[in-house]
Amino acid sequence: MSKKIRILIAKPGLDGHDRGAKYVARALKDAGYEVIYTGIRQSPEAIARTAVQEDVDFVGLSLLSGAHNELFPQVVRLLKEEGADDVIVFGGGVIPEEDIPFLKEQGVEAVFTPGTPIQKVIDFIESKKEKVLT
């Protein structure tokens, strides 16, 4: 029996708009992944702790408030501190194109902006599948 990929979808910070995160979570679940959605207004510490407790392979962060340059790298750092540096972090939301290189330098492996087809997110996960299943 093959291991099912586990994905945590989380909303860090004070952003209370979760329509996009819920859409992504549902679409990934429909695509056959095991998905855990944490809900809104989660601290980076709570996200990292949940990711470790749930033994996830991916963490998808969604943010519309503009605090992505602070909160996304903080989640990556906390995962590393918890020994979960093998968890692949990706992000989405209203993120200016000019911020994406910084986020990638900080360990966010992919950033999806509004209007990205869900198939691109699935293709990203599939492209990393071998890394998480070994």
C-alpha atoms as a PDB file:
ATOM      1  CA  MET A   1       0.000   0.000   0.000  1.00  0.00           C
ATOM      2  CA  SER A   2       1.510   3.342  -1.010  1.00  0.00           C
ATOM      3  CA  LYS A   3       1.749   6.271   1.357  1.00  0.00           C
ATOM      4  CA  LYS A   4      -0.757   9.042   0.756  1.00  0.00           C
ATOM      5  CA  ILE A   5       0.693  12.539   0.504  1.00  0.00           C
ATOM      6  CA  ARG A   6      -0.359  14.694   3.470  1.00  0.00           C
ATOM      7  CA  ILE A   7      -0.782  18.443   3.020  1.00  0.00           C
ATOM      8  CA  LEU A   8      -1.435  21.085   5.646  1.00  0.00           C
ATOM      9  CA  ILE A   9      -3.181  24.241   4.403  1.00  0.00           C
ATOM     10  CA  ALA A  10      -2.831  27.144   6.824  1.00  0.00           C
ATOM     11  CA  LYS A  11      -3.646  30.845   7.151  1.00  0.00           C
ATOM     12  CA  PRO A  12      -0.906  32.570   9.183  1.00  0.00           C
ATOM     13  CA  GLY A  13      -1.368  35.916  10.876  1.00  0.00           C
ATOM     14  CA  LEU A  14      -4.466  38.048  11.144  1.00  0.00           C
ATOM     15  CA  ASP A  15      -5.823  37.479   7.643  1.00  0.00           C
ATOM     16  CA  GLY A  16      -9.416  36.323   8.007  1.00  0.00           C
ATOM     17  CA  HIS A  17     -10.203  35.746   4.339  1.00  0.00           C
ATOM     18  CA  ASP A  18     -10.079  32.024   3.669  1.00  0.00           C
ATOM     19  CA  ARG A  19     -12.132  31.417   0.549  1.00  0.00           C
ATOM     20  CA  GLY A  20      -9.030  30.708  -1.570  1.00  0.00           C
ATOM     21  CA  ALA A  21      -7.454  28.468   1.071  1.00  0.00           C
ATOM     22  CA  LYS A  22     -10.666  26.463   1.388  1.00  0.00           C
ATOM     23  CA  TYR A  23     -10.869  26.135  -2.400  1.00  0.00           C
ATOM     24  CA  VAL A  24      -7.281  24.860  -2.608  1.00  0.00           C
ATOM     25  CA  ALA A  25      -7.806  22.472   0.306  1.00  0.00           C
ATOM     26  CA  ARG A  26     -10.958  21.023  -1.286  1.00  0.00           C
ATOM     27  CA  ALA A  27      -9.391  20.743  -4.740  1.00  0.00           C
ATOM     28  CA  LEU A  28      -6.323  18.951  -3.361  1.00  0.00           C
ATOM     29  CA  LYS A  29      -8.547  16.592  -1.386  1.00  0.00           C
ATOM     30  CA  ASP A  30     -10.569  15.908  -4.549  1.00  0.00           C
ATOM     31  CA  ALA A  31      -7.267  15.178  -6.338  1.00  0.00           C
ATOM     32  CA  GLY A  32      -6.595  12.374  -3.849  1.00  0.00           C
ATOM     33  CA  TYR A  33      -4.344  13.986  -1.271  1.00  0.00           C
ATOM     34  CA  GLU A  34      -4.907  13.880   2.455  1.00  0.00           C
ATOM     35  CA  VAL A  35      -5.517  17.514   3.446  1.00  0.00           C
ATOM     36  CA  ILE A  36      -5.663  19.173   6.849  1.00  0.00           C
ATOM     37  CA  TYR A  37      -6.975  22.743   6.992  1.00  0.00           C
ATOM     38  CA  THR A  38      -6.117  24.697  10.150  1.00  0.00           C
ATOM     39  CA  GLY A  39      -8.533  27.574   9.738  1.00  0.00           C
ATOM     40  CA  ILE A  40      -7.815  31.286   9.946  1.00  0.00           C
ATOM     41  CA  ARG A  41      -5.547  33.368  12.176  1.00  0.00           C
ATOM     42  CA  GLN A  42      -2.927  30.768  12.989  1.00  0.00           C
ATOM     43  CA  SER A  43       0.440  31.676  14.474  1.00  0.00           C
ATOM     44  CA  PRO A  44       3.565  30.434  12.668  1.00  0.00           C
ATOM     45  CA  GLU A  45       4.347  28.415  15.804  1.00  0.00           C
ATOM     46  CA  ALA A  46       0.954  26.692  15.718  1.00  0.00           C
ATOM     47  CA  ILE A  47       1.343  25.937  12.011  1.00  0.00           C
ATOM     48  CA  ALA A  48       4.791  24.394  12.461  1.00  0.00           C
ATOM     49  CA  ARG A  49       3.637  22.416  15.515  1.00  0.00           C
ATOM     50  CA  THR A  50       0.600  21.069  13.635  1.00  0.00           C
ATOM     51  CA  ALA A  51       2.742  20.160  10.621  1.00  0.00           C
ATOM     52  CA  VAL A  52       5.061  18.121  12.850  1.00  0.00           C
ATOM     53  CA  GLN A  53       2.230  16.507  14.838  1.00  0.00           C
ATOM     54  CA  GLU A  54       0.338  15.572  11.681  1.00  0.00           C
ATOM     55  CA  ASP A  55       3.512  14.339   9.928  1.00  0.00           C
ATOM     56  CA  VAL A  56       2.701  16.253   6.752  1.00  0.00           C
ATOM     57  CA  ASP A  57       4.752  16.286   3.564  1.00  0.00           C
ATOM     58  CA  PHE A  58       3.719  19.792   2.436  1.00  0.00           C
ATOM     59  CA  VAL A  59       2.581  23.002   4.075  1.00  0.00           C
ATOM     60  CA  GLY A  60       0.577  25.385   1.915  1.00  0.00           C
ATOM     61  CA  LEU A  61       0.344  28.910   3.319  1.00  0.00           C
ATOM     62  CA  SER A  62      -2.288  31.392   2.176  1.00  0.00           C
ATOM     63  CA  LEU A  63      -2.083  35.092   2.919  1.00  0.00           C
ATOM     64  CA  LEU A  64      -3.800  38.208   1.637  1.00  0.00           C
ATOM     65  CA  SER A  65      -2.775  40.709   4.330  1.00  0.00           C
ATOM     66  CA  GLY A  66       0.688  41.600   3.011  1.00  0.00           C
ATOM     67  CA  ALA A  67       2.694  40.020   5.849  1.00  0.00           C
ATOM     68  CA  HIS A  68       3.974  37.144   3.676  1.00  0.00           C
ATOM     69  CA  ASN A  69       7.625  38.304   3.746  1.00  0.00           C
ATOM     70  CA  GLU A  70       7.608  37.925   7.518  1.00  0.00           C
ATOM     71  CA  LEU A  71       5.236  35.045   8.176  1.00  0.00           C
ATOM     72  CA  PHE A  72       6.126  32.575   5.396  1.00  0.00           C
ATOM     73  CA  PRO A  73       9.877  32.538   6.218  1.00  0.00           C
ATOM     74  CA  GLN A  74       9.036  32.277   9.910  1.00  0.00           C
ATOM     75  CA  VAL A  75       7.078  29.065   9.273  1.00  0.00           C
ATOM     76  CA  VAL A  76       9.996  27.666   7.243  1.00  0.00           C
ATOM     77  CA  ARG A  77      12.443  28.551  10.035  1.00  0.00           C
ATOM     78  CA  LEU A  78      10.253  26.999  12.746  1.00  0.00           C
ATOM     79  CA  LEU A  79       9.853  23.783  10.738  1.00  0.00           C
ATOM     80  CA  LYS A  80      13.646  23.539  10.487  1.00  0.00           C
ATOM     81  CA  GLU A  81      13.982  24.155  14.225  1.00  0.00           C
ATOM     82  CA  GLU A  82      11.512  21.319  14.830  1.00  0.00           C
ATOM     83  CA  GLY A  83      13.573  18.963  12.649  1.00  0.00           C
ATOM     84  CA  ALA A  84      10.972  19.028   9.871  1.00  0.00           C
ATOM     85  CA  ASP A  85      13.177  20.608   7.222  1.00  0.00           C
ATOM     86  CA  ASP A  86      12.025  17.911   4.790  1.00  0.00           C
ATOM     87  CA  VAL A  87       8.511  19.437   4.729  1.00  0.00           C
ATOM     88  CA  ILE A  88       7.982  21.333   1.474  1.00  0.00           C
ATOM     89  CA  VAL A  89       6.452  24.772   1.965  1.00  0.00           C
ATOM     90  CA  PHE A  90       4.501  26.569  -0.744  1.00  0.00           C
ATOM     91  CA  GLY A  91       2.474  29.740  -0.573  1.00  0.00           C
ATOM     92  CA  GLY A  92      -0.308  31.596  -2.236  1.00  0.00           C
ATOM     93  CA  GLY A  93      -2.404  34.691  -2.051  1.00  0.00           C
ATOM     94  CA  VAL A  94      -2.030  38.316  -2.976  1.00  0.00           C
ATOM     95  CA  ILE A  95       1.747  38.377  -3.264  1.00  0.00           C
ATOM     96  CA  PRO A  96       3.539  40.891  -5.486  1.00  0.00           C
ATOM     97  CA  GLU A  97       5.766  39.342  -8.161  1.00  0.00           C
ATOM     98  CA  GLU A  98       8.758  41.269  -6.801  1.00  0.00           C
ATOM     99  CA  ASP A  99       8.430  39.475  -3.421  1.00  0.00           C
ATOM    100  CA  ILE A 100       8.511  35.960  -4.876  1.00  0.00           C
ATOM    101  CA  PRO A 101      12.330  35.704  -5.304  1.00  0.00           C
ATOM    102  CA  PHE A 102      12.807  36.695  -1.641  1.00  0.00           C
ATOM    103  CA  LEU A 103      10.301  34.083  -0.485  1.00  0.00           C
ATOM    104  CA  LYS A 104      12.031  31.399  -2.547  1.00  0.00           C
ATOM    105  CA  GLU A 105      15.407  32.390  -1.065  1.00  0.00           C
ATOM    106  CA  GLN A 106      13.829  31.898   2.357  1.00  0.00           C
ATOM    107  CA  GLY A 107      12.759  28.338   1.555  1.00  0.00           C
ATOM    108  CA  VAL A 108       9.250  28.735   0.147  1.00  0.00           C
ATOM    109  CA  GLU A 109       9.511  26.397  -2.839  1.00  0.00           C
ATOM    110  CA  ALA A 110       6.620  27.790  -4.901  1.00  0.00           C
ATOM    111  CA  VAL A 111       4.289  30.778  -4.806  1.00  0.00           C
ATOM    112  CA  PHE A 112       0.892  30.794  -6.491  1.00  0.00           C
ATOM    113  CA  THR A 113      -0.867  34.088  -7.084  1.00  0.00           C
ATOM    114  CA  PRO A 114      -4.583  34.751  -7.690  1.00  0.00           C
ATOM    115  CA  GLY A 115      -5.912  33.153 -10.833  1.00  0.00           C
ATOM    116  CA  THR A 116      -3.412  30.296 -10.855  1.00  0.00           C
ATOM    117  CA  PRO A 117      -5.158  27.163 -12.156  1.00  0.00           C
ATOM    118  CA  ILE A 118      -5.375  24.486  -9.462  1.00  0.00           C
ATOM    119  CA  GLN A 119      -3.682  22.076 -11.875  1.00  0.00           C
ATOM    120  CA  LYS A 120      -0.465  24.112 -11.477  1.00  0.00           C
ATOM    121  CA  VAL A 121      -0.562  23.477  -7.730  1.00  0.00           C
ATOM    122  CA  ILE A 122      -1.189  19.774  -8.320  1.00  0.00           C
ATOM    123  CA  ASP A 123       1.635  19.652 -10.891  1.00  0.00           C
ATOM    124  CA  PHE A 124       3.971  21.254  -8.333  1.00  0.00           C
ATOM    125  CA  ILE A 125       3.042  18.663  -5.690  1.00  0.00           C
ATOM    126  CA  GLU A 126       3.447  15.831  -8.174  1.00  0.00           C
ATOM    127  CA  SER A 127       6.869  17.180  -9.209  1.00  0.00           C
ATOM    128  CA  LYS A 128       8.001  16.920  -5.574  1.00  0.00           C
ATOM    129  CA  LYS A 129       6.332  13.573  -4.844  1.00  0.00           C
ATOM    130  CA  GLU A 130       9.485  11.486  -5.184  1.00  0.00           C
ATOM    131  CA  LYS A 131      11.252  13.744  -2.677  1.00  0.00           C
ATOM    132  CA  VAL A 132       8.593  13.262   0.006  1.00  0.00           C
ATOM    133  CA  LEU A 133       7.900   9.587  -0.546  1.00  0.00           C
ATOM    134  CA  THR A 134      11.519   8.451  -0.169  1.00  0.00           C
END
